[in-house]
Amino acid sequence: MPGDPAGAYDFGLGAGFYVMHAAAIRGSLPHVELSDEELPELIAGHFPADPKRQSILGHSMGGHGALTMALRHPGRYRAASAFSPVVAPSQVPWGIKALSGYLGDQRDAWRKHDAVALIEDGARFSDFLVDVGDADSFLTEQLRPELLERACAQAAIPLILRRSPAMITVLLRLDLHGRSHAAGTPRA
């Protein structure tokens, strides 16, 4: 994706928020196309993977991608997990900047790229496992896990939201998180 004209790290290049948009189509491969279509085909074609036992995991914006892809393809993934995900990009500064930059001011178009909005609009997944660190400087302004917690509760989607006292603790939980994720059954 083209870089931000102002050189900011949170727009363009690696910050595509898994959005298919005209600028990305002219530039490099959009995250959503790579993740939704090409990556599963590459894995199936080159590794002895069982497509009935796929799981998806991501961190930060990748966590956002994992949640939204699980909601868009509930039959494809057995488990969906995220570390420090941006859960409602249409409600936080990073996401508002990206979604308005990629999709314009049509906020209805933003909803299919926002996990909380997808749930509010009826998308469902069996359950989610999410880890956040309470010391993460982006927690209250950008990540907003309480919005996912509320949306999942209202939609009766089981969510295990594990809050660690420090940001580094989330990284130390990788082994447990990975084993839970791979088994397809989140554990507290």
N, C-alpha and C. Protein backbone atom coordinates (compact mmCIF):
# COMPACT_ATOMS: atom_id res chain seq x y z
N MET A 1 0.84 -1.17 0.00
CA MET A 1 0.00 0.00 0.00
C MET A 1 0.88 1.23 0.00
N PRO A 2 0.42 2.29 -0.61
CA PRO A 2 1.23 3.50 -0.61
C PRO A 2 1.45 3.99 0.82
N GLY A 3 2.60 4.59 1.04
CA GLY A 3 2.88 5.13 2.36
C GLY A 3 2.11 6.40 2.63
N ASP A 4 2.06 6.79 3.89
CA ASP A 4 1.41 8.02 4.29
C ASP A 4 2.21 9.20 3.75
N PRO A 5 1.57 10.17 3.11
CA PRO A 5 2.30 11.31 2.57
C PRO A 5 3.09 12.06 3.65
N ALA A 6 2.60 12.03 4.88
CA ALA A 6 3.29 12.71 5.98
C ALA A 6 4.34 11.81 6.63
N GLY A 7 4.48 10.57 6.16
CA GLY A 7 5.46 9.65 6.70
C GLY A 7 5.05 8.98 8.01
N ALA A 8 3.78 9.04 8.37
CA ALA A 8 3.31 8.42 9.61
C ALA A 8 3.33 6.90 9.49
N TYR A 9 3.56 6.23 10.60
CA TYR A 9 3.64 4.78 10.63
C TYR A 9 2.27 4.10 10.61
N ASP A 10 1.22 4.84 10.87
CA ASP A 10 -0.09 4.23 11.08
C ASP A 10 -1.02 4.34 9.88
N PHE A 11 -0.45 4.53 8.69
CA PHE A 11 -1.28 4.60 7.48
C PHE A 11 -0.44 4.13 6.31
N GLY A 12 -1.05 3.31 5.44
CA GLY A 12 -0.34 2.82 4.27
C GLY A 12 0.66 1.74 4.62
N LEU A 13 1.55 1.43 3.71
CA LEU A 13 2.57 0.40 3.87
C LEU A 13 2.06 -0.77 4.71
N GLY A 14 2.48 -0.94 5.93
CA GLY A 14 2.07 -2.08 6.74
C GLY A 14 0.81 -1.85 7.54
N ALA A 15 0.16 -0.72 7.38
CA ALA A 15 -1.01 -0.39 8.20
C ALA A 15 -2.27 -0.30 7.33
N GLY A 16 -2.63 -1.40 6.72
CA GLY A 16 -3.76 -1.40 5.80
C GLY A 16 -5.09 -1.75 6.42
N PHE A 17 -5.10 -2.18 7.69
CA PHE A 17 -6.32 -2.55 8.39
C PHE A 17 -7.17 -3.56 7.63
N TYR A 18 -6.52 -4.39 6.81
CA TYR A 18 -7.21 -5.46 6.09
C TYR A 18 -8.39 -4.93 5.27
N VAL A 19 -8.14 -3.83 4.59
CA VAL A 19 -9.18 -3.16 3.81
C VAL A 19 -8.81 -3.24 2.33
N MET A 20 -9.75 -3.65 1.50
CA MET A 20 -9.59 -3.64 0.06
C MET A 20 -10.01 -2.24 -0.40
N HIS A 21 -9.12 -1.54 -1.04
CA HIS A 21 -9.45 -0.19 -1.50
C HIS A 21 -8.71 0.11 -2.78
N ALA A 22 -9.17 1.12 -3.48
CA ALA A 22 -8.64 1.44 -4.80
C ALA A 22 -7.15 1.72 -4.78
N ALA A 23 -6.66 2.45 -3.79
CA ALA A 23 -5.23 2.78 -3.74
C ALA A 23 -4.39 1.51 -3.59
N ALA A 24 -4.88 0.56 -2.82
CA ALA A 24 -4.13 -0.68 -2.63
C ALA A 24 -4.13 -1.51 -3.90
N ILE A 25 -5.23 -1.52 -4.61
CA ILE A 25 -5.31 -2.30 -5.84
C ILE A 25 -4.30 -1.78 -6.85
N ARG A 26 -4.11 -0.46 -6.91
CA ARG A 26 -3.12 0.12 -7.82
C ARG A 26 -1.70 -0.15 -7.34
N GLY A 27 -1.52 -0.30 -6.04
CA GLY A 27 -0.19 -0.50 -5.46
C GLY A 27 0.07 -1.97 -5.21
N SER A 28 0.43 -2.30 -4.00
CA SER A 28 0.73 -3.68 -3.66
C SER A 28 -0.53 -4.45 -3.31
N LEU A 29 -0.37 -5.74 -3.04
CA LEU A 29 -1.50 -6.60 -2.75
C LEU A 29 -2.16 -6.22 -1.43
N PRO A 30 -3.45 -5.98 -1.41
CA PRO A 30 -4.14 -5.62 -0.18
C PRO A 30 -4.11 -6.75 0.84
N HIS A 31 -4.04 -6.39 2.13
CA HIS A 31 -4.04 -7.38 3.20
C HIS A 31 -5.21 -8.34 3.08
N VAL A 32 -6.40 -7.80 2.85
CA VAL A 32 -7.59 -8.65 2.87
C VAL A 32 -7.53 -9.71 1.78
N GLU A 33 -7.07 -9.36 0.59
CA GLU A 33 -6.98 -10.32 -0.50
C GLU A 33 -5.90 -11.37 -0.20
N LEU A 34 -4.76 -10.93 0.28
CA LEU A 34 -3.68 -11.85 0.62
C LEU A 34 -4.13 -12.81 1.72
N SER A 35 -4.73 -12.30 2.78
CA SER A 35 -5.11 -13.12 3.92
C SER A 35 -6.32 -14.00 3.64
N ASP A 36 -7.32 -13.45 2.99
CA ASP A 36 -8.56 -14.18 2.76
C ASP A 36 -8.46 -15.21 1.64
N GLU A 37 -7.65 -14.93 0.63
CA GLU A 37 -7.64 -15.78 -0.55
C GLU A 37 -6.30 -16.48 -0.79
N GLU A 38 -5.25 -15.72 -0.97
CA GLU A 38 -4.00 -16.31 -1.42
C GLU A 38 -3.27 -17.10 -0.35
N LEU A 39 -3.22 -16.60 0.87
CA LEU A 39 -2.48 -17.30 1.92
C LEU A 39 -3.06 -18.69 2.21
N PRO A 40 -4.37 -18.84 2.40
CA PRO A 40 -4.89 -20.20 2.61
C PRO A 40 -4.58 -21.15 1.45
N GLU A 41 -4.62 -20.65 0.21
CA GLU A 41 -4.29 -21.49 -0.95
C GLU A 41 -2.81 -21.88 -0.95
N LEU A 42 -1.94 -20.94 -0.61
CA LEU A 42 -0.51 -21.24 -0.54
C LEU A 42 -0.21 -22.28 0.52
N ILE A 43 -0.80 -22.13 1.68
CA ILE A 43 -0.58 -23.10 2.77
C ILE A 43 -1.07 -24.47 2.35
N ALA A 44 -2.27 -24.54 1.81
CA ALA A 44 -2.83 -25.83 1.39
C ALA A 44 -1.98 -26.47 0.29
N GLY A 45 -1.41 -25.66 -0.59
CA GLY A 45 -0.63 -26.19 -1.69
C GLY A 45 0.79 -26.60 -1.35
N HIS A 46 1.32 -26.10 -0.22
CA HIS A 46 2.73 -26.35 0.09
C HIS A 46 2.99 -27.03 1.42
N PHE A 47 1.98 -27.21 2.22
CA PHE A 47 2.17 -27.82 3.54
C PHE A 47 1.10 -28.88 3.78
N PRO A 48 1.38 -29.87 4.61
CA PRO A 48 0.38 -30.89 4.91
C PRO A 48 -0.64 -30.37 5.94
N ALA A 49 -1.30 -29.29 5.60
CA ALA A 49 -2.25 -28.66 6.52
C ALA A 49 -3.64 -29.24 6.32
N ASP A 50 -4.37 -29.34 7.40
CA ASP A 50 -5.75 -29.82 7.37
C ASP A 50 -6.67 -28.61 7.39
N PRO A 51 -7.32 -28.29 6.26
CA PRO A 51 -8.15 -27.08 6.22
C PRO A 51 -9.34 -27.11 7.19
N LYS A 52 -9.68 -28.28 7.70
CA LYS A 52 -10.78 -28.36 8.67
C LYS A 52 -10.30 -28.02 10.09
N ARG A 53 -8.99 -27.85 10.25
CA ARG A 53 -8.44 -27.55 11.57
C ARG A 53 -7.64 -26.25 11.56
N GLN A 54 -8.03 -25.31 10.73
CA GLN A 54 -7.36 -24.03 10.67
C GLN A 54 -7.75 -23.15 11.85
N SER A 55 -6.78 -22.38 12.29
CA SER A 55 -7.03 -21.36 13.30
C SER A 55 -6.38 -20.08 12.82
N ILE A 56 -6.76 -18.99 13.42
CA ILE A 56 -6.19 -17.70 13.03
C ILE A 56 -5.81 -16.93 14.28
N LEU A 57 -4.65 -16.28 14.22
CA LEU A 57 -4.10 -15.55 15.35
C LEU A 57 -3.42 -14.30 14.82
N GLY A 58 -3.52 -13.20 15.56
CA GLY A 58 -2.83 -11.99 15.14
C GLY A 58 -2.53 -11.09 16.32
N HIS A 59 -1.65 -10.12 16.08
CA HIS A 59 -1.26 -9.15 17.09
C HIS A 59 -1.54 -7.73 16.59
N SER A 60 -2.12 -6.90 17.43
CA SER A 60 -2.40 -5.50 17.15
C SER A 60 -3.31 -5.40 15.92
N MET A 61 -2.85 -4.76 14.84
CA MET A 61 -3.69 -4.69 13.66
C MET A 61 -3.92 -6.09 13.09
N GLY A 62 -2.93 -6.98 13.24
CA GLY A 62 -3.10 -8.36 12.82
C GLY A 62 -4.14 -9.08 13.66
N GLY A 63 -4.25 -8.70 14.94
CA GLY A 63 -5.31 -9.22 15.80
C GLY A 63 -6.67 -8.78 15.31
N HIS A 64 -6.72 -7.53 14.88
CA HIS A 64 -7.95 -7.00 14.26
C HIS A 64 -8.29 -7.84 13.03
N GLY A 65 -7.29 -8.12 12.20
CA GLY A 65 -7.52 -8.94 11.01
C GLY A 65 -7.99 -10.33 11.36
N ALA A 66 -7.40 -10.94 12.39
CA ALA A 66 -7.82 -12.29 12.80
C ALA A 66 -9.29 -12.30 13.23
N LEU A 67 -9.69 -11.31 14.01
CA LEU A 67 -11.08 -11.25 14.49
C LEU A 67 -12.04 -11.04 13.32
N THR A 68 -11.73 -10.09 12.44
CA THR A 68 -12.66 -9.80 11.34
C THR A 68 -12.72 -10.95 10.33
N MET A 69 -11.58 -11.61 10.08
CA MET A 69 -11.62 -12.73 9.15
C MET A 69 -12.40 -13.90 9.73
N ALA A 70 -12.27 -14.14 11.03
CA ALA A 70 -13.06 -15.20 11.66
C ALA A 70 -14.55 -14.89 11.57
N LEU A 71 -14.90 -13.63 11.76
CA LEU A 71 -16.31 -13.23 11.67
C LEU A 71 -16.83 -13.31 10.24
N ARG A 72 -15.97 -13.01 9.26
CA ARG A 72 -16.40 -13.08 7.86
C ARG A 72 -16.42 -14.50 7.32
N HIS A 73 -15.62 -15.40 7.93
CA HIS A 73 -15.52 -16.79 7.47
C HIS A 73 -15.65 -17.74 8.65
N PRO A 74 -16.78 -17.76 9.32
CA PRO A 74 -16.89 -18.57 10.55
C PRO A 74 -16.72 -20.07 10.32
N GLY A 75 -16.99 -20.56 9.15
CA GLY A 75 -16.83 -21.99 8.88
C GLY A 75 -15.40 -22.38 8.54
N ARG A 76 -14.55 -21.42 8.28
CA ARG A 76 -13.18 -21.69 7.87
C ARG A 76 -12.26 -21.94 9.06
N TYR A 77 -12.50 -21.27 10.18
CA TYR A 77 -11.57 -21.32 11.31
C TYR A 77 -12.16 -22.04 12.50
N ARG A 78 -11.35 -22.86 13.11
CA ARG A 78 -11.74 -23.59 14.31
C ARG A 78 -11.55 -22.74 15.56
N ALA A 79 -10.57 -21.84 15.53
CA ALA A 79 -10.30 -20.96 16.66
C ALA A 79 -9.81 -19.61 16.13
N ALA A 80 -10.10 -18.57 16.89
CA ALA A 80 -9.63 -17.22 16.56
C ALA A 80 -9.11 -16.56 17.83
N SER A 81 -7.88 -16.09 17.76
CA SER A 81 -7.24 -15.50 18.92
C SER A 81 -6.51 -14.23 18.51
N ALA A 82 -6.32 -13.34 19.49
CA ALA A 82 -5.64 -12.08 19.20
C ALA A 82 -4.89 -11.58 20.42
N PHE A 83 -3.73 -11.00 20.16
CA PHE A 83 -2.95 -10.29 21.17
C PHE A 83 -3.14 -8.80 20.92
N SER A 84 -3.55 -8.07 21.90
CA SER A 84 -3.66 -6.61 21.83
C SER A 84 -4.30 -6.13 20.53
N PRO A 85 -5.48 -6.65 20.17
CA PRO A 85 -6.08 -6.25 18.90
C PRO A 85 -6.76 -4.89 18.95
N VAL A 86 -6.77 -4.22 17.83
CA VAL A 86 -7.63 -3.06 17.63
C VAL A 86 -9.00 -3.65 17.30
N VAL A 87 -9.97 -3.55 18.20
CA VAL A 87 -11.23 -4.29 18.03
C VAL A 87 -12.33 -3.48 17.35
N ALA A 88 -12.22 -2.16 17.38
CA ALA A 88 -13.27 -1.31 16.80
C ALA A 88 -12.64 -0.13 16.07
N PRO A 89 -11.99 -0.38 14.93
CA PRO A 89 -11.28 0.70 14.26
C PRO A 89 -12.15 1.91 13.89
N SER A 90 -13.43 1.71 13.69
CA SER A 90 -14.27 2.86 13.35
C SER A 90 -14.53 3.77 14.54
N GLN A 91 -14.05 3.36 15.73
CA GLN A 91 -14.26 4.16 16.93
C GLN A 91 -12.97 4.68 17.56
N VAL A 92 -11.83 4.43 16.95
CA VAL A 92 -10.55 4.84 17.55
C VAL A 92 -9.72 5.63 16.53
N PRO A 93 -8.82 6.51 17.01
CA PRO A 93 -8.07 7.37 16.09
C PRO A 93 -7.32 6.65 14.96
N TRP A 94 -6.59 5.57 15.27
CA TRP A 94 -5.88 4.86 14.20
C TRP A 94 -6.84 4.40 13.12
N GLY A 95 -7.92 3.75 13.54
CA GLY A 95 -8.87 3.21 12.58
C GLY A 95 -9.61 4.27 11.80
N ILE A 96 -10.00 5.33 12.48
CA ILE A 96 -10.71 6.43 11.79
C ILE A 96 -9.81 7.02 10.71
N LYS A 97 -8.53 7.22 11.04
CA LYS A 97 -7.58 7.74 10.04
C LYS A 97 -7.48 6.78 8.85
N ALA A 98 -7.29 5.51 9.14
CA ALA A 98 -7.11 4.53 8.07
C ALA A 98 -8.39 4.34 7.25
N LEU A 99 -9.51 4.10 7.93
CA LEU A 99 -10.74 3.82 7.19
C LEU A 99 -11.21 5.02 6.37
N SER A 100 -11.06 6.22 6.90
CA SER A 100 -11.45 7.40 6.11
C SER A 100 -10.47 7.59 4.95
N GLY A 101 -9.18 7.29 5.19
CA GLY A 101 -8.20 7.42 4.12
C GLY A 101 -8.38 6.40 3.01
N TYR A 102 -8.79 5.19 3.36
CA TYR A 102 -8.96 4.13 2.38
C TYR A 102 -10.35 4.09 1.76
N LEU A 103 -11.36 4.36 2.58
CA LEU A 103 -12.75 4.17 2.12
C LEU A 103 -13.55 5.45 2.06
N GLY A 104 -12.97 6.57 2.44
CA GLY A 104 -13.69 7.84 2.42
C GLY A 104 -14.58 7.98 3.65
N ASP A 105 -15.51 8.89 3.56
CA ASP A 105 -16.36 9.22 4.71
C ASP A 105 -17.62 8.35 4.81
N GLN A 106 -17.73 7.33 3.99
CA GLN A 106 -18.90 6.46 4.01
C GLN A 106 -18.78 5.47 5.16
N ARG A 107 -19.20 5.88 6.35
CA ARG A 107 -19.02 5.06 7.55
C ARG A 107 -19.72 3.70 7.46
N ASP A 108 -20.75 3.59 6.67
CA ASP A 108 -21.40 2.28 6.49
C ASP A 108 -20.43 1.27 5.87
N ALA A 109 -19.56 1.75 4.97
CA ALA A 109 -18.57 0.86 4.33
C ALA A 109 -17.50 0.42 5.32
N TRP A 110 -17.28 1.18 6.38
CA TRP A 110 -16.28 0.84 7.38
C TRP A 110 -16.68 -0.37 8.20
N ARG A 111 -17.98 -0.60 8.36
CA ARG A 111 -18.48 -1.61 9.30
C ARG A 111 -17.98 -3.02 9.00
N LYS A 112 -17.79 -3.37 7.73
CA LYS A 112 -17.32 -4.73 7.42
C LYS A 112 -15.84 -4.91 7.71
N HIS A 113 -15.18 -3.85 8.18
CA HIS A 113 -13.77 -3.90 8.54
C HIS A 113 -13.58 -3.61 10.03
N ASP A 114 -14.58 -3.88 10.83
CA ASP A 114 -14.58 -3.55 12.25
C ASP A 114 -15.23 -4.72 13.00
N ALA A 115 -14.48 -5.41 13.86
CA ALA A 115 -15.00 -6.61 14.54
C ALA A 115 -16.25 -6.30 15.36
N VAL A 116 -16.23 -5.21 16.12
CA VAL A 116 -17.39 -4.87 16.94
C VAL A 116 -18.61 -4.58 16.05
N ALA A 117 -18.41 -3.82 14.97
CA ALA A 117 -19.53 -3.52 14.06
C ALA A 117 -20.04 -4.79 13.37
N LEU A 118 -19.13 -5.69 12.98
CA LEU A 118 -19.57 -6.94 12.36
C LEU A 118 -20.47 -7.73 13.32
N ILE A 119 -20.07 -7.79 14.58
CA ILE A 119 -20.89 -8.50 15.58
C ILE A 119 -22.23 -7.79 15.74
N GLU A 120 -22.22 -6.46 15.85
CA GLU A 120 -23.46 -5.70 15.98
C GLU A 120 -24.38 -5.93 14.78
N ASP A 121 -23.78 -6.17 13.61
CA ASP A 121 -24.56 -6.38 12.38
C ASP A 121 -24.94 -7.84 12.16
N GLY A 122 -24.62 -8.72 13.12
CA GLY A 122 -25.09 -10.10 13.05
C GLY A 122 -24.05 -11.16 12.76
N ALA A 123 -22.80 -10.78 12.48
CA ALA A 123 -21.76 -11.78 12.25
C ALA A 123 -21.50 -12.54 13.55
N ARG A 124 -21.18 -13.83 13.44
CA ARG A 124 -20.96 -14.65 14.63
C ARG A 124 -19.75 -15.55 14.42
N PHE A 125 -19.11 -15.90 15.54
CA PHE A 125 -18.05 -16.88 15.58
C PHE A 125 -18.22 -17.65 16.87
N SER A 126 -17.73 -18.88 16.91
CA SER A 126 -17.99 -19.74 18.06
C SER A 126 -17.46 -19.17 19.37
N ASP A 127 -16.26 -18.60 19.39
CA ASP A 127 -15.69 -18.00 20.60
C ASP A 127 -14.36 -17.35 20.25
N PHE A 128 -13.93 -16.43 21.09
CA PHE A 128 -12.66 -15.74 20.88
C PHE A 128 -11.80 -15.83 22.13
N LEU A 129 -10.49 -15.82 21.93
CA LEU A 129 -9.50 -15.71 23.00
C LEU A 129 -8.68 -14.47 22.70
N VAL A 130 -8.68 -13.51 23.64
CA VAL A 130 -7.97 -12.25 23.45
C VAL A 130 -7.12 -11.96 24.68
N ASP A 131 -5.86 -11.62 24.45
CA ASP A 131 -4.94 -11.21 25.51
C ASP A 131 -4.58 -9.75 25.32
N VAL A 132 -4.63 -8.98 26.40
CA VAL A 132 -4.17 -7.59 26.39
C VAL A 132 -3.34 -7.34 27.63
N GLY A 133 -2.46 -6.37 27.54
CA GLY A 133 -1.66 -5.97 28.69
C GLY A 133 -2.15 -4.64 29.22
N ASP A 134 -2.45 -4.58 30.49
CA ASP A 134 -2.97 -3.34 31.08
C ASP A 134 -1.96 -2.20 31.05
N ALA A 135 -0.67 -2.51 30.87
CA ALA A 135 0.34 -1.47 30.79
C ALA A 135 0.57 -1.00 29.34
N ASP A 136 -0.18 -1.54 28.40
CA ASP A 136 -0.04 -1.15 26.99
C ASP A 136 -0.49 0.31 26.85
N SER A 137 0.38 1.15 26.35
CA SER A 137 0.06 2.58 26.25
C SER A 137 -1.07 2.86 25.25
N PHE A 138 -1.41 1.89 24.40
CA PHE A 138 -2.48 2.07 23.42
C PHE A 138 -3.82 1.51 23.89
N LEU A 139 -3.86 0.90 25.05
CA LEU A 139 -5.04 0.17 25.52
C LEU A 139 -6.31 1.01 25.54
N THR A 140 -6.29 2.14 26.20
CA THR A 140 -7.53 2.90 26.40
C THR A 140 -7.95 3.75 25.21
N GLU A 141 -6.98 4.17 24.39
CA GLU A 141 -7.34 5.04 23.27
C GLU A 141 -7.53 4.28 21.96
N GLN A 142 -6.73 3.23 21.73
CA GLN A 142 -6.74 2.58 20.43
C GLN A 142 -7.29 1.15 20.43
N LEU A 143 -6.97 0.37 21.45
CA LEU A 143 -7.35 -1.06 21.44
C LEU A 143 -8.79 -1.27 21.89
N ARG A 144 -9.18 -0.68 22.99
CA ARG A 144 -10.54 -0.68 23.51
C ARG A 144 -11.19 -2.07 23.63
N PRO A 145 -10.56 -3.02 24.33
CA PRO A 145 -11.11 -4.37 24.43
C PRO A 145 -12.48 -4.43 25.09
N GLU A 146 -12.82 -3.44 25.90
CA GLU A 146 -14.14 -3.44 26.53
C GLU A 146 -15.27 -3.35 25.51
N LEU A 147 -14.99 -2.76 24.34
CA LEU A 147 -16.01 -2.70 23.29
C LEU A 147 -16.29 -4.10 22.72
N LEU A 148 -15.24 -4.89 22.54
CA LEU A 148 -15.43 -6.27 22.09
C LEU A 148 -16.13 -7.08 23.17
N GLU A 149 -15.74 -6.87 24.40
CA GLU A 149 -16.35 -7.59 25.52
C GLU A 149 -17.86 -7.33 25.56
N ARG A 150 -18.25 -6.08 25.41
CA ARG A 150 -19.67 -5.72 25.42
C ARG A 150 -20.41 -6.31 24.21
N ALA A 151 -19.81 -6.18 23.02
CA ALA A 151 -20.46 -6.70 21.80
C ALA A 151 -20.64 -8.22 21.89
N CYS A 152 -19.60 -8.92 22.36
CA CYS A 152 -19.70 -10.38 22.49
C CYS A 152 -20.75 -10.77 23.52
N ALA A 153 -20.81 -10.06 24.62
CA ALA A 153 -21.83 -10.36 25.65
C ALA A 153 -23.23 -10.17 25.09
N GLN A 154 -23.45 -9.10 24.36
CA GLN A 154 -24.77 -8.83 23.79
C GLN A 154 -25.15 -9.85 22.72
N ALA A 155 -24.16 -10.40 22.02
CA ALA A 155 -24.42 -11.37 20.96
C ALA A 155 -24.29 -12.81 21.43
N ALA A 156 -24.02 -13.01 22.71
CA ALA A 156 -23.84 -14.35 23.29
C ALA A 156 -22.70 -15.11 22.62
N ILE A 157 -21.62 -14.40 22.28
CA ILE A 157 -20.42 -15.02 21.75
C ILE A 157 -19.45 -15.19 22.92
N PRO A 158 -19.05 -16.42 23.24
CA PRO A 158 -18.09 -16.60 24.33
C PRO A 158 -16.77 -15.90 24.02
N LEU A 159 -16.30 -15.12 24.98
CA LEU A 159 -15.04 -14.40 24.86
C LEU A 159 -14.24 -14.62 26.13
N ILE A 160 -13.02 -15.07 25.96
CA ILE A 160 -12.08 -15.08 27.08
C ILE A 160 -11.17 -13.89 26.84
N LEU A 161 -11.31 -12.88 27.68
CA LEU A 161 -10.48 -11.68 27.61
C LEU A 161 -9.53 -11.72 28.80
N ARG A 162 -8.27 -12.04 28.50
CA ARG A 162 -7.26 -12.14 29.56
C ARG A 162 -6.48 -10.84 29.61
N ARG A 163 -6.52 -10.20 30.77
CA ARG A 163 -5.81 -8.95 30.98
C ARG A 163 -4.60 -9.24 31.86
N SER A 164 -3.44 -8.88 31.38
CA SER A 164 -2.20 -9.06 32.13
C SER A 164 -1.78 -7.71 32.70
N PRO A 165 -1.15 -7.71 33.86
CA PRO A 165 -0.79 -6.44 34.49
C PRO A 165 0.26 -5.64 33.73
N ALA A 166 1.06 -6.29 32.92
CA ALA A 166 2.10 -5.58 32.17
C ALA A 166 2.05 -6.01 30.72
N MET A 167 2.54 -5.18 29.85
CA MET A 167 2.54 -5.50 28.43
C MET A 167 3.37 -6.75 28.14
N ILE A 168 4.52 -6.87 28.75
CA ILE A 168 5.41 -8.01 28.49
C ILE A 168 4.76 -9.33 28.88
N THR A 169 3.87 -9.32 29.85
CA THR A 169 3.23 -10.55 30.28
C THR A 169 2.47 -11.20 29.12
N VAL A 170 1.90 -10.39 28.25
CA VAL A 170 1.19 -10.93 27.09
C VAL A 170 2.16 -11.76 26.26
N LEU A 171 3.36 -11.27 26.04
CA LEU A 171 4.34 -12.02 25.25
C LEU A 171 4.75 -13.30 25.95
N LEU A 172 4.84 -13.26 27.27
CA LEU A 172 5.21 -14.46 28.01
C LEU A 172 4.09 -15.50 27.99
N ARG A 173 2.88 -15.10 27.69
CA ARG A 173 1.76 -16.04 27.61
C ARG A 173 1.66 -16.71 26.25
N LEU A 174 2.54 -16.40 25.35
CA LEU A 174 2.47 -16.93 23.99
C LEU A 174 2.37 -18.45 23.97
N ASP A 175 3.13 -19.14 24.77
CA ASP A 175 3.09 -20.60 24.77
C ASP A 175 1.71 -21.12 25.15
N LEU A 176 1.17 -20.64 26.25
CA LEU A 176 -0.17 -21.07 26.68
C LEU A 176 -1.22 -20.67 25.65
N HIS A 177 -1.13 -19.44 25.17
CA HIS A 177 -2.07 -18.94 24.18
C HIS A 177 -2.01 -19.81 22.92
N GLY A 178 -0.80 -20.09 22.47
CA GLY A 178 -0.63 -20.89 21.26
C GLY A 178 -1.17 -22.30 21.41
N ARG A 179 -0.94 -22.92 22.57
CA ARG A 179 -1.46 -24.26 22.79
C ARG A 179 -2.97 -24.26 22.85
N SER A 180 -3.56 -23.27 23.51
CA SER A 180 -5.02 -23.16 23.56
C SER A 180 -5.58 -22.95 22.18
N HIS A 181 -4.95 -22.06 21.44
CA HIS A 181 -5.38 -21.72 20.09
C HIS A 181 -5.30 -22.94 19.18
N ALA A 182 -4.19 -23.65 19.22
CA ALA A 182 -4.00 -24.80 18.35
C ALA A 182 -4.99 -25.92 18.67
N ALA A 183 -5.35 -26.05 19.93
CA ALA A 183 -6.31 -27.07 20.31
C ALA A 183 -7.73 -26.71 19.89
N GLY A 184 -7.93 -25.43 19.56
CA GLY A 184 -9.26 -24.99 19.15
C GLY A 184 -10.18 -24.73 20.31
N THR A 185 -9.66 -24.77 21.52
CA THR A 185 -10.48 -24.51 22.70
C THR A 185 -9.75 -23.54 23.61
N PRO A 186 -10.20 -22.27 23.64
CA PRO A 186 -9.55 -21.31 24.50
C PRO A 186 -9.64 -21.70 25.96
N ARG A 187 -8.59 -21.36 26.69
CA ARG A 187 -8.56 -21.63 28.14
C ARG A 187 -8.23 -20.34 28.85
N ALA A 188 -8.80 -20.17 30.02
CA ALA A 188 -8.52 -18.96 30.80
C ALA A 188 -7.13 -19.03 31.38
